[in-house]
Amino acid sequence: MFQDRSAPADGFTLKDVLFIVDRIAQCHEKAAKALRGMIRAQKDAELAYTRLREAGSAVAQLFRGFTSGTDRAST
């Protein structure tokens, strides 16, 4: 590797800039990973909601069946 002897007036060397860019890339990777996790969690939640809604519908059908069967038996 070469040594950066021409530091800018604000004091940042090439090594400093590369370190900052590397840290930004790491933060970006962590944010992307978190976002993928959130998307996966949302899909799981949507699937769970759909299944819960289907189960509720099935229970409602059962009750309707029992209610109509009870009414017929009592008449």
N, C-alpha and C. Protein backbone atom coordinates (compact mmCIF):
# COMPACT_ATOMS: atom_id res chain seq x y z
N MET A 1 0.85 -1.19 0.00
CA MET A 1 0.00 0.00 0.00
C MET A 1 0.89 1.25 0.00
N PHE A 2 0.34 2.33 -0.43
CA PHE A 2 1.10 3.57 -0.44
C PHE A 2 0.70 4.40 0.78
N GLN A 3 1.55 5.31 1.12
CA GLN A 3 1.28 6.16 2.28
C GLN A 3 0.80 7.51 1.78
N ASP A 4 -0.30 7.99 2.37
CA ASP A 4 -0.87 9.27 1.95
C ASP A 4 -0.19 10.38 2.73
N ARG A 5 0.72 11.10 2.07
CA ARG A 5 1.46 12.17 2.74
C ARG A 5 0.82 13.53 2.52
N SER A 6 -0.17 13.60 1.66
CA SER A 6 -0.77 14.90 1.34
C SER A 6 -2.14 15.00 2.00
N ALA A 7 -2.16 15.21 3.31
CA ALA A 7 -3.42 15.33 4.04
C ALA A 7 -4.06 16.66 3.72
N PRO A 8 -5.37 16.67 3.50
CA PRO A 8 -6.07 17.93 3.23
C PRO A 8 -5.98 18.88 4.43
N ALA A 9 -6.41 20.08 4.23
CA ALA A 9 -6.32 21.11 5.26
C ALA A 9 -7.15 20.74 6.50
N ASP A 10 -8.27 20.00 6.32
CA ASP A 10 -9.11 19.65 7.48
C ASP A 10 -8.56 18.47 8.26
N GLY A 11 -7.47 17.86 7.79
CA GLY A 11 -6.82 16.82 8.55
C GLY A 11 -7.23 15.40 8.19
N PHE A 12 -8.12 15.19 7.26
CA PHE A 12 -8.53 13.83 6.87
C PHE A 12 -7.51 13.26 5.89
N THR A 13 -7.04 12.09 6.21
CA THR A 13 -6.16 11.38 5.29
C THR A 13 -7.00 10.38 4.49
N LEU A 14 -6.38 9.75 3.54
CA LEU A 14 -7.08 8.74 2.75
C LEU A 14 -7.54 7.60 3.66
N LYS A 15 -6.68 7.25 4.60
CA LYS A 15 -7.02 6.20 5.56
C LYS A 15 -8.26 6.58 6.37
N ASP A 16 -8.34 7.84 6.78
CA ASP A 16 -9.51 8.31 7.54
C ASP A 16 -10.78 8.23 6.69
N VAL A 17 -10.68 8.64 5.45
CA VAL A 17 -11.84 8.63 4.55
C VAL A 17 -12.28 7.19 4.30
N LEU A 18 -11.32 6.30 4.07
CA LEU A 18 -11.67 4.90 3.85
C LEU A 18 -12.33 4.29 5.08
N PHE A 19 -11.86 4.67 6.26
CA PHE A 19 -12.46 4.19 7.50
C PHE A 19 -13.91 4.66 7.60
N ILE A 20 -14.15 5.93 7.30
CA ILE A 20 -15.50 6.50 7.36
C ILE A 20 -16.41 5.81 6.35
N VAL A 21 -15.92 5.61 5.14
CA VAL A 21 -16.71 4.95 4.10
C VAL A 21 -17.03 3.51 4.53
N ASP A 22 -16.05 2.82 5.14
CA ASP A 22 -16.28 1.47 5.62
C ASP A 22 -17.35 1.45 6.70
N ARG A 23 -17.31 2.40 7.62
CA ARG A 23 -18.32 2.47 8.68
C ARG A 23 -19.71 2.75 8.10
N ILE A 24 -19.78 3.61 7.12
CA ILE A 24 -21.06 3.89 6.47
C ILE A 24 -21.59 2.64 5.79
N ALA A 25 -20.70 1.89 5.13
CA ALA A 25 -21.11 0.64 4.47
C ALA A 25 -21.62 -0.37 5.49
N GLN A 26 -20.96 -0.46 6.64
CA GLN A 26 -21.41 -1.38 7.69
C GLN A 26 -22.79 -0.99 8.20
N CYS A 27 -23.00 0.31 8.42
CA CYS A 27 -24.32 0.78 8.87
C CYS A 27 -25.38 0.49 7.82
N HIS A 28 -25.03 0.66 6.55
CA HIS A 28 -25.97 0.39 5.47
C HIS A 28 -26.33 -1.09 5.45
N GLU A 29 -25.35 -1.97 5.64
CA GLU A 29 -25.61 -3.41 5.67
C GLU A 29 -26.52 -3.78 6.83
N LYS A 30 -26.28 -3.17 7.99
CA LYS A 30 -27.13 -3.46 9.16
C LYS A 30 -28.55 -2.97 8.92
N ALA A 31 -28.69 -1.79 8.31
CA ALA A 31 -30.02 -1.25 8.03
C ALA A 31 -30.75 -2.14 7.01
N ALA A 32 -30.03 -2.61 6.00
CA ALA A 32 -30.64 -3.49 4.99
C ALA A 32 -31.09 -4.80 5.64
N LYS A 33 -30.27 -5.33 6.53
CA LYS A 33 -30.63 -6.58 7.22
C LYS A 33 -31.86 -6.37 8.09
N ALA A 34 -31.91 -5.25 8.79
CA ALA A 34 -33.08 -4.94 9.62
C ALA A 34 -34.32 -4.78 8.76
N LEU A 35 -34.20 -4.13 7.63
CA LEU A 35 -35.34 -3.93 6.74
C LEU A 35 -35.84 -5.26 6.18
N ARG A 36 -34.92 -6.15 5.82
CA ARG A 36 -35.34 -7.47 5.34
C ARG A 36 -36.09 -8.22 6.45
N GLY A 37 -35.60 -8.08 7.68
CA GLY A 37 -36.29 -8.71 8.81
C GLY A 37 -37.68 -8.14 9.02
N MET A 38 -37.82 -6.83 8.86
CA MET A 38 -39.12 -6.19 9.02
C MET A 38 -40.08 -6.64 7.92
N ILE A 39 -39.57 -6.77 6.71
CA ILE A 39 -40.42 -7.22 5.59
C ILE A 39 -40.87 -8.65 5.84
N ARG A 40 -39.94 -9.50 6.30
CA ARG A 40 -40.29 -10.89 6.60
C ARG A 40 -41.32 -10.95 7.73
N ALA A 41 -41.15 -10.12 8.75
CA ALA A 41 -42.10 -10.10 9.86
C ALA A 41 -43.48 -9.62 9.39
N GLN A 42 -43.51 -8.64 8.50
CA GLN A 42 -44.79 -8.16 7.97
C GLN A 42 -45.50 -9.25 7.18
N LYS A 43 -44.75 -9.98 6.36
CA LYS A 43 -45.35 -11.08 5.59
C LYS A 43 -45.89 -12.15 6.53
N ASP A 44 -45.11 -12.46 7.58
CA ASP A 44 -45.57 -13.45 8.57
C ASP A 44 -46.84 -12.97 9.26
N ALA A 45 -46.88 -11.68 9.60
CA ALA A 45 -48.06 -11.12 10.26
C ALA A 45 -49.28 -11.16 9.33
N GLU A 46 -49.07 -10.85 8.05
CA GLU A 46 -50.18 -10.89 7.09
C GLU A 46 -50.71 -12.32 6.94
N LEU A 47 -49.80 -13.30 6.90
CA LEU A 47 -50.21 -14.69 6.80
C LEU A 47 -50.97 -15.11 8.05
N ALA A 48 -50.47 -14.71 9.21
CA ALA A 48 -51.16 -15.05 10.46
C ALA A 48 -52.54 -14.41 10.50
N TYR A 49 -52.66 -13.17 10.04
CA TYR A 49 -53.96 -12.49 10.01
C TYR A 49 -54.93 -13.23 9.09
N THR A 50 -54.44 -13.64 7.92
CA THR A 50 -55.29 -14.37 6.98
C THR A 50 -55.78 -15.68 7.59
N ARG A 51 -54.86 -16.40 8.24
CA ARG A 51 -55.25 -17.67 8.86
C ARG A 51 -56.22 -17.45 10.01
N LEU A 52 -56.00 -16.41 10.78
CA LEU A 52 -56.91 -16.10 11.88
C LEU A 52 -58.30 -15.75 11.35
N ARG A 53 -58.33 -14.97 10.26
CA ARG A 53 -59.61 -14.61 9.65
C ARG A 53 -60.33 -15.84 9.12
N GLU A 54 -59.57 -16.75 8.50
CA GLU A 54 -60.18 -17.98 7.98
C GLU A 54 -60.71 -18.85 9.13
N ALA A 55 -59.95 -18.92 10.22
CA ALA A 55 -60.40 -19.69 11.38
C ALA A 55 -61.66 -19.07 11.98
N GLY A 56 -61.70 -17.77 12.08
CA GLY A 56 -62.89 -17.08 12.59
C GLY A 56 -64.10 -17.34 11.71
N SER A 57 -63.88 -17.36 10.42
CA SER A 57 -64.96 -17.63 9.49
C SER A 57 -65.47 -19.06 9.66
N ALA A 58 -64.54 -20.00 9.86
CA ALA A 58 -64.94 -21.39 10.06
C ALA A 58 -65.73 -21.54 11.36
N VAL A 59 -65.30 -20.86 12.41
CA VAL A 59 -66.03 -20.93 13.69
C VAL A 59 -67.42 -20.32 13.53
N ALA A 60 -67.51 -19.22 12.81
CA ALA A 60 -68.82 -18.59 12.58
C ALA A 60 -69.74 -19.54 11.81
N GLN A 61 -69.20 -20.25 10.84
CA GLN A 61 -70.00 -21.22 10.09
C GLN A 61 -70.49 -22.33 11.00
N LEU A 62 -69.62 -22.78 11.90
CA LEU A 62 -70.01 -23.82 12.85
C LEU A 62 -71.18 -23.36 13.71
N PHE A 63 -71.05 -22.14 14.24
CA PHE A 63 -72.12 -21.62 15.08
C PHE A 63 -73.42 -21.46 14.31
N ARG A 64 -73.30 -21.01 13.06
CA ARG A 64 -74.51 -20.89 12.24
C ARG A 64 -75.14 -22.26 12.03
N GLY A 65 -74.29 -23.26 11.80
CA GLY A 65 -74.79 -24.61 11.60
C GLY A 65 -75.45 -25.15 12.86
N PHE A 66 -74.84 -24.92 14.02
CA PHE A 66 -75.43 -25.38 15.27
C PHE A 66 -76.72 -24.64 15.58
N THR A 67 -76.71 -23.33 15.31
CA THR A 67 -77.92 -22.53 15.59
C THR A 67 -79.07 -22.97 14.71
N SER A 68 -78.79 -23.13 13.41
CA SER A 68 -79.88 -23.54 12.51
C SER A 68 -80.32 -24.98 12.82
N GLY A 69 -79.40 -25.84 13.20
CA GLY A 69 -79.75 -27.20 13.57
C GLY A 69 -80.57 -27.23 14.85
N THR A 70 -80.26 -26.40 15.81
CA THR A 70 -80.99 -26.31 17.06
C THR A 70 -82.41 -25.81 16.82
N ASP A 71 -82.52 -24.79 15.94
CA ASP A 71 -83.84 -24.23 15.64
C ASP A 71 -84.73 -25.30 15.01
N ARG A 72 -84.17 -26.09 14.11
CA ARG A 72 -84.96 -27.12 13.45
C ARG A 72 -85.36 -28.20 14.45
N ALA A 73 -84.49 -28.50 15.37
CA ALA A 73 -84.79 -29.56 16.34
C ALA A 73 -85.88 -29.12 17.32
N SER A 74 -85.93 -27.81 17.62
CA SER A 74 -86.90 -27.33 18.60
C SER A 74 -88.29 -27.14 18.01
N THR A 75 -88.41 -27.07 16.69
CA THR A 75 -89.73 -26.83 16.08
C THR A 75 -90.45 -28.09 15.76
